[in-house]
Amino acid sequence: MIDPKILTGKPVVRGTRISVELVVELPAPGWSHEQILASYPHLSEKDIRVCLAYASELLREEKVYPLKTA
């Protein structure tokens, strides 16, 4: 969900102020899904999967253009 009044419009997990960005970042330093769920009890396993799918979709749509070299 995106609402400019919540976290300046960053995507958040519906019904929370927990950003998708946070949920996607936590596994990188080694957080397990169980640790995320224990630390953020408002989240569900489905919420984590949806955040990861959202991030994956953004990357899939990202356009990369090669730099022009002289």
PDB file of N, CA and C in Angstrom:
ATOM      1  N   MET A   1       0.844  -1.171   0.000  1.00  0.00           N
ATOM      2  CA  MET A   1       0.000   0.000   0.000  1.00  0.00           C
ATOM      3  C   MET A   1       0.891   1.236   0.000  1.00  0.00           C
ATOM      4  N   ILE A   2       0.511   2.246  -0.761  1.00  0.00           N
ATOM      5  CA  ILE A   2       1.272   3.486  -0.811  1.00  0.00           C
ATOM      6  C   ILE A   2       0.347   4.628  -0.411  1.00  0.00           C
ATOM      7  N   ASP A   3       0.750   5.373   0.616  1.00  0.00           N
ATOM      8  CA  ASP A   3      -0.009   6.518   1.108  1.00  0.00           C
ATOM      9  C   ASP A   3       0.997   7.605   1.449  1.00  0.00           C
ATOM     10  N   PRO A   4       0.906   8.769   0.814  1.00  0.00           N
ATOM     11  CA  PRO A   4       1.890   9.818   1.062  1.00  0.00           C
ATOM     12  C   PRO A   4       1.950  10.264   2.518  1.00  0.00           C
ATOM     13  N   LYS A   5       0.927   9.958   3.287  1.00  0.00           N
ATOM     14  CA  LYS A   5       0.906  10.348   4.700  1.00  0.00           C
ATOM     15  C   LYS A   5       1.629   9.342   5.589  1.00  0.00           C
ATOM     16  N   ILE A   6       1.979   8.175   5.039  1.00  0.00           N
ATOM     17  CA  ILE A   6       2.658   7.134   5.811  1.00  0.00           C
ATOM     18  C   ILE A   6       4.035   6.916   5.215  1.00  0.00           C
ATOM     19  N   LEU A   7       5.070   7.119   6.006  1.00  0.00           N
ATOM     20  CA  LEU A   7       6.463   6.945   5.577  1.00  0.00           C
ATOM     21  C   LEU A   7       6.765   7.670   4.262  1.00  0.00           C
ATOM     22  N   THR A   8       6.229   8.863   4.131  1.00  0.00           N
ATOM     23  CA  THR A   8       6.402   9.710   2.933  1.00  0.00           C
ATOM     24  C   THR A   8       6.107   8.978   1.627  1.00  0.00           C
ATOM     25  N   GLY A   9       5.169   8.060   1.659  1.00  0.00           N
ATOM     26  CA  GLY A   9       4.732   7.385   0.442  1.00  0.00           C
ATOM     27  C   GLY A   9       5.471   6.116   0.091  1.00  0.00           C
ATOM     28  N   LYS A  10       6.404   5.677   0.950  1.00  0.00           N
ATOM     29  CA  LYS A  10       7.070   4.401   0.673  1.00  0.00           C
ATOM     30  C   LYS A  10       6.040   3.282   0.771  1.00  0.00           C
ATOM     31  N   PRO A  11       6.188   2.235  -0.039  1.00  0.00           N
ATOM     32  CA  PRO A  11       5.261   1.104   0.071  1.00  0.00           C
ATOM     33  C   PRO A  11       5.387   0.445   1.441  1.00  0.00           C
ATOM     34  N   VAL A  12       4.237   0.152   2.043  1.00  0.00           N
ATOM     35  CA  VAL A  12       4.202  -0.492   3.355  1.00  0.00           C
ATOM     36  C   VAL A  12       3.313  -1.725   3.295  1.00  0.00           C
ATOM     37  N   VAL A  13       3.500  -2.607   4.257  1.00  0.00           N
ATOM     38  CA  VAL A  13       2.638  -3.772   4.390  1.00  0.00           C
ATOM     39  C   VAL A  13       1.268  -3.266   4.841  1.00  0.00           C
ATOM     40  N   ARG A  14       0.241  -3.708   4.147  1.00  0.00           N
ATOM     41  CA  ARG A  14      -1.119  -3.238   4.426  1.00  0.00           C
ATOM     42  C   ARG A  14      -1.460  -3.336   5.918  1.00  0.00           C
ATOM     43  N   GLY A  15      -2.019  -2.235   6.435  1.00  0.00           N
ATOM     44  CA  GLY A  15      -2.453  -2.201   7.825  1.00  0.00           C
ATOM     45  C   GLY A  15      -1.335  -1.954   8.822  1.00  0.00           C
ATOM     46  N   THR A  16      -0.114  -1.682   8.336  1.00  0.00           N
ATOM     47  CA  THR A  16       1.018  -1.432   9.235  1.00  0.00           C
ATOM     48  C   THR A  16       1.784  -0.203   8.762  1.00  0.00           C
ATOM     49  N   ARG A  17       2.778   0.175   9.532  1.00  0.00           N
ATOM     50  CA  ARG A  17       3.729   1.201   9.120  1.00  0.00           C
ATOM     51  C   ARG A  17       5.088   0.543   8.853  1.00  0.00           C
ATOM     52  N   ILE A  18       5.070  -0.735   8.540  1.00  0.00           N
ATOM     53  CA  ILE A  18       6.288  -1.491   8.247  1.00  0.00           C
ATOM     54  C   ILE A  18       6.531  -1.413   6.737  1.00  0.00           C
ATOM     55  N   SER A  19       7.687  -0.852   6.362  1.00  0.00           N
ATOM     56  CA  SER A  19       7.956  -0.669   4.933  1.00  0.00           C
ATOM     57  C   SER A  19       8.349  -1.976   4.262  1.00  0.00           C
ATOM     58  N   VAL A  20       7.993  -2.070   2.985  1.00  0.00           N
ATOM     59  CA  VAL A  20       8.408  -3.203   2.165  1.00  0.00           C
ATOM     60  C   VAL A  20       9.932  -3.243   2.144  1.00  0.00           C
ATOM     61  N   GLU A  21      10.541  -2.083   2.055  1.00  0.00           N
ATOM     62  CA  GLU A  21      12.003  -1.986   2.042  1.00  0.00           C
ATOM     63  C   GLU A  21      12.617  -2.694   3.245  1.00  0.00           C
ATOM     64  N   LEU A  22      12.082  -2.454   4.431  1.00  0.00           N
ATOM     65  CA  LEU A  22      12.610  -3.095   5.637  1.00  0.00           C
ATOM     66  C   LEU A  22      12.485  -4.612   5.540  1.00  0.00           C
ATOM     67  N   VAL A  23      11.315  -5.083   5.142  1.00  0.00           N
ATOM     68  CA  VAL A  23      11.078  -6.524   5.068  1.00  0.00           C
ATOM     69  C   VAL A  23      12.033  -7.181   4.071  1.00  0.00           C
ATOM     70  N   VAL A  24      12.301  -6.503   2.958  1.00  0.00           N
ATOM     71  CA  VAL A  24      13.189  -7.061   1.936  1.00  0.00           C
ATOM     72  C   VAL A  24      14.648  -7.017   2.391  1.00  0.00           C
ATOM     73  N   GLU A  25      15.018  -5.993   3.171  1.00  0.00           N
ATOM     74  CA  GLU A  25      16.412  -5.855   3.627  1.00  0.00           C
ATOM     75  C   GLU A  25      16.798  -6.861   4.709  1.00  0.00           C
ATOM     76  N   LEU A  26      15.888  -7.248   5.566  1.00  0.00           N
ATOM     77  CA  LEU A  26      16.234  -8.060   6.737  1.00  0.00           C
ATOM     78  C   LEU A  26      16.902  -9.401   6.422  1.00  0.00           C
ATOM     79  N   PRO A  27      16.497 -10.125   5.390  1.00  0.00           N
ATOM     80  CA  PRO A  27      17.182 -11.394   5.117  1.00  0.00           C
ATOM     81  C   PRO A  27      18.650 -11.231   4.700  1.00  0.00           C
ATOM     82  N   ALA A  28      19.018 -10.090   4.136  1.00  0.00           N
ATOM     83  CA  ALA A  28      20.396  -9.897   3.661  1.00  0.00           C
ATOM     84  C   ALA A  28      21.438 -10.107   4.759  1.00  0.00           C
ATOM     85  N   PRO A  29      21.241  -9.549   5.976  1.00  0.00           N
ATOM     86  CA  PRO A  29      22.230  -9.801   7.025  1.00  0.00           C
ATOM     87  C   PRO A  29      22.001 -11.124   7.766  1.00  0.00           C
ATOM     88  N   GLY A  30      21.047 -11.933   7.273  1.00  0.00           N
ATOM     89  CA  GLY A  30      20.886 -13.258   7.847  1.00  0.00           C
ATOM     90  C   GLY A  30      19.629 -13.493   8.667  1.00  0.00           C
ATOM     91  N   TRP A  31      18.727 -12.525   8.706  1.00  0.00           N
ATOM     92  CA  TRP A  31      17.485 -12.742   9.456  1.00  0.00           C
ATOM     93  C   TRP A  31      16.659 -13.836   8.773  1.00  0.00           C
ATOM     94  N   SER A  32      16.192 -14.783   9.552  1.00  0.00           N
ATOM     95  CA  SER A  32      15.294 -15.810   9.025  1.00  0.00           C
ATOM     96  C   SER A  32      13.865 -15.260   9.040  1.00  0.00           C
ATOM     97  N   HIS A  33      12.984 -15.928   8.313  1.00  0.00           N
ATOM     98  CA  HIS A  33      11.577 -15.523   8.347  1.00  0.00           C
ATOM     99  C   HIS A  33      11.047 -15.602   9.775  1.00  0.00           C
ATOM    100  N   GLU A  34      11.484 -16.600  10.509  1.00  0.00           N
ATOM    101  CA  GLU A  34      11.026 -16.758  11.892  1.00  0.00           C
ATOM    102  C   GLU A  34      11.454 -15.565  12.753  1.00  0.00           C
ATOM    103  N   GLN A  35      12.680 -15.087  12.552  1.00  0.00           N
ATOM    104  CA  GLN A  35      13.164 -13.924  13.310  1.00  0.00           C
ATOM    105  C   GLN A  35      12.377 -12.661  12.936  1.00  0.00           C
ATOM    106  N   ILE A  36      12.098 -12.516  11.655  1.00  0.00           N
ATOM    107  CA  ILE A  36      11.315 -11.353  11.220  1.00  0.00           C
ATOM    108  C   ILE A  36       9.930 -11.395  11.853  1.00  0.00           C
ATOM    109  N   LEU A  37       9.288 -12.549  11.802  1.00  0.00           N
ATOM    110  CA  LEU A  37       7.937 -12.677  12.358  1.00  0.00           C
ATOM    111  C   LEU A  37       7.919 -12.477  13.872  1.00  0.00           C
ATOM    112  N   ALA A  38       8.968 -12.925  14.558  1.00  0.00           N
ATOM    113  CA  ALA A  38       9.041 -12.741  16.018  1.00  0.00           C
ATOM    114  C   ALA A  38       9.266 -11.266  16.366  1.00  0.00           C
ATOM    115  N   SER A  39      10.042 -10.566  15.553  1.00  0.00           N
ATOM    116  CA  SER A  39      10.349  -9.160  15.834  1.00  0.00           C
ATOM    117  C   SER A  39       9.238  -8.216  15.374  1.00  0.00           C
ATOM    118  N   TYR A  40       8.482  -8.641  14.386  1.00  0.00           N
ATOM    119  CA  TYR A  40       7.393  -7.823  13.837  1.00  0.00           C
ATOM    120  C   TYR A  40       6.119  -8.666  13.816  1.00  0.00           C
ATOM    121  N   PRO A  41       5.476  -8.811  14.975  1.00  0.00           N
ATOM    122  CA  PRO A  41       4.326  -9.720  15.088  1.00  0.00           C
ATOM    123  C   PRO A  41       3.118  -9.339  14.233  1.00  0.00           C
ATOM    124  N   HIS A  42       3.095  -8.121  13.699  1.00  0.00           N
ATOM    125  CA  HIS A  42       1.986  -7.723  12.822  1.00  0.00           C
ATOM    126  C   HIS A  42       2.142  -8.326  11.429  1.00  0.00           C
ATOM    127  N   LEU A  43       3.319  -8.894  11.137  1.00  0.00           N
ATOM    128  CA  LEU A  43       3.564  -9.493   9.829  1.00  0.00           C
ATOM    129  C   LEU A  43       3.202 -10.971   9.821  1.00  0.00           C
ATOM    130  N   SER A  44       2.903 -11.459   8.648  1.00  0.00           N
ATOM    131  CA  SER A  44       2.672 -12.894   8.464  1.00  0.00           C
ATOM    132  C   SER A  44       3.684 -13.405   7.435  1.00  0.00           C
ATOM    133  N   GLU A  45       3.781 -14.704   7.328  1.00  0.00           N
ATOM    134  CA  GLU A  45       4.652 -15.306   6.315  1.00  0.00           C
ATOM    135  C   GLU A  45       4.232 -14.829   4.924  1.00  0.00           C
ATOM    136  N   LYS A  46       2.941 -14.729   4.695  1.00  0.00           N
ATOM    137  CA  LYS A  46       2.441 -14.254   3.404  1.00  0.00           C
ATOM    138  C   LYS A  46       2.915 -12.822   3.147  1.00  0.00           C
ATOM    139  N   ASP A  47       2.910 -11.960   4.175  1.00  0.00           N
ATOM    140  CA  ASP A  47       3.388 -10.583   4.011  1.00  0.00           C
ATOM    141  C   ASP A  47       4.831 -10.565   3.518  1.00  0.00           C
ATOM    142  N   ILE A  48       5.674 -11.414   4.081  1.00  0.00           N
ATOM    143  CA  ILE A  48       7.081 -11.478   3.665  1.00  0.00           C
ATOM    144  C   ILE A  48       7.172 -11.891   2.202  1.00  0.00           C
ATOM    145  N   ARG A  49       6.420 -12.918   1.819  1.00  0.00           N
ATOM    146  CA  ARG A  49       6.448 -13.383   0.435  1.00  0.00           C
ATOM    147  C   ARG A  49       5.946 -12.311  -0.538  1.00  0.00           C
ATOM    148  N   VAL A  50       4.909 -11.590  -0.137  1.00  0.00           N
ATOM    149  CA  VAL A  50       4.371 -10.538  -0.997  1.00  0.00           C
ATOM    150  C   VAL A  50       5.389  -9.403  -1.154  1.00  0.00           C
ATOM    151  N   CYS A  51       6.092  -9.040  -0.083  1.00  0.00           N
ATOM    152  CA  CYS A  51       7.125  -8.002  -0.167  1.00  0.00           C
ATOM    153  C   CYS A  51       8.244  -8.428  -1.118  1.00  0.00           C
ATOM    154  N   LEU A  52       8.668  -9.666  -1.016  1.00  0.00           N
ATOM    155  CA  LEU A  52       9.721 -10.166  -1.900  1.00  0.00           C
ATOM    156  C   LEU A  52       9.241 -10.213  -3.354  1.00  0.00           C
ATOM    157  N   ALA A  53       8.010 -10.594  -3.567  1.00  0.00           N
ATOM    158  CA  ALA A  53       7.458 -10.632  -4.922  1.00  0.00           C
ATOM    159  C   ALA A  53       7.362  -9.215  -5.495  1.00  0.00           C
ATOM    160  N   TYR A  54       6.976  -8.254  -4.675  1.00  0.00           N
ATOM    161  CA  TYR A  54       6.894  -6.855  -5.105  1.00  0.00           C
ATOM    162  C   TYR A  54       8.272  -6.352  -5.522  1.00  0.00           C
ATOM    163  N   ALA A  55       9.282  -6.615  -4.702  1.00  0.00           N
ATOM    164  CA  ALA A  55      10.647  -6.189  -5.021  1.00  0.00           C
ATOM    165  C   ALA A  55      11.133  -6.868  -6.301  1.00  0.00           C
ATOM    166  N   SER A  56      10.823  -8.131  -6.467  1.00  0.00           N
ATOM    167  CA  SER A  56      11.212  -8.866  -7.664  1.00  0.00           C
ATOM    168  C   SER A  56      10.567  -8.252  -8.904  1.00  0.00           C
ATOM    169  N   GLU A  57       9.306  -7.889  -8.805  1.00  0.00           N
ATOM    170  CA  GLU A  57       8.598  -7.277  -9.926  1.00  0.00           C
ATOM    171  C   GLU A  57       9.234  -5.944 -10.305  1.00  0.00           C
ATOM    172  N   LEU A  58       9.607  -5.138  -9.313  1.00  0.00           N
ATOM    173  CA  LEU A  58      10.265  -3.863  -9.599  1.00  0.00           C
ATOM    174  C   LEU A  58      11.579  -4.085 -10.335  1.00  0.00           C
ATOM    175  N   LEU A  59      12.351  -5.062  -9.902  1.00  0.00           N
ATOM    176  CA  LEU A  59      13.623  -5.349 -10.563  1.00  0.00           C
ATOM    177  C   LEU A  59      13.408  -5.883 -11.980  1.00  0.00           C
ATOM    178  N   ARG A  60      12.378  -6.667 -12.151  1.00  0.00           N
ATOM    179  CA  ARG A  60      12.080  -7.223 -13.469  1.00  0.00           C
ATOM    180  C   ARG A  60      11.720  -6.102 -14.451  1.00  0.00           C
ATOM    181  N   GLU A  61      11.040  -5.068 -13.976  1.00  0.00           N
ATOM    182  CA  GLU A  61      10.625  -3.963 -14.821  1.00  0.00           C
ATOM    183  C   GLU A  61      11.723  -2.911 -15.013  1.00  0.00           C
ATOM    184  N   GLU A  62      12.785  -2.986 -14.227  1.00  0.00           N
ATOM    185  CA  GLU A  62      13.845  -1.997 -14.295  1.00  0.00           C
ATOM    186  C   GLU A  62      14.527  -2.044 -15.665  1.00  0.00           C
ATOM    187  N   LYS A  63      14.739  -0.884 -16.207  1.00  0.00           N
ATOM    188  CA  LYS A  63      15.433  -0.769 -17.485  1.00  0.00           C
ATOM    189  C   LYS A  63      16.883  -0.369 -17.208  1.00  0.00           C
ATOM    190  N   VAL A  64      17.813  -1.059 -17.849  1.00  0.00           N
ATOM    191  CA  VAL A  64      19.241  -0.770 -17.696  1.00  0.00           C
ATOM    192  C   VAL A  64      19.780  -0.428 -19.070  1.00  0.00           C
ATOM    193  N   TYR A  65      20.426   0.717 -19.144  1.00  0.00           N
ATOM    194  CA  TYR A  65      20.975   1.163 -20.416  1.00  0.00           C
ATOM    195  C   TYR A  65      22.496   1.222 -20.312  1.00  0.00           C
ATOM    196  N   PRO A  66      23.190   0.713 -21.313  1.00  0.00           N
ATOM    197  CA  PRO A  66      24.646   0.753 -21.265  1.00  0.00           C
ATOM    198  C   PRO A  66      25.146   2.195 -21.372  1.00  0.00           C
ATOM    199  N   LEU A  67      26.251   2.461 -20.705  1.00  0.00           N
ATOM    200  CA  LEU A  67      26.874   3.773 -20.797  1.00  0.00           C
ATOM    201  C   LEU A  67      27.541   3.900 -22.159  1.00  0.00           C
ATOM    202  N   LYS A  68      27.403   5.064 -22.730  1.00  0.00           N
ATOM    203  CA  LYS A  68      28.090   5.317 -23.995  1.00  0.00           C
ATOM    204  C   LYS A  68      29.534   5.642 -23.683  1.00  0.00           C
ATOM    205  N   THR A  69      30.428   4.975 -24.366  1.00  0.00           N
ATOM    206  CA  THR A  69      31.843   5.237 -24.168  1.00  0.00           C
ATOM    207  C   THR A  69      32.372   6.036 -25.344  1.00  0.00           C
ATOM    208  N   ALA A  70      33.325   6.857 -25.051  1.00  0.00           N
ATOM    209  CA  ALA A  70      33.896   7.716 -26.096  1.00  0.00           C
ATOM    210  C   ALA A  70      34.898   6.983 -26.941  1.00  0.00           C
TER     211      ALA A  70
END
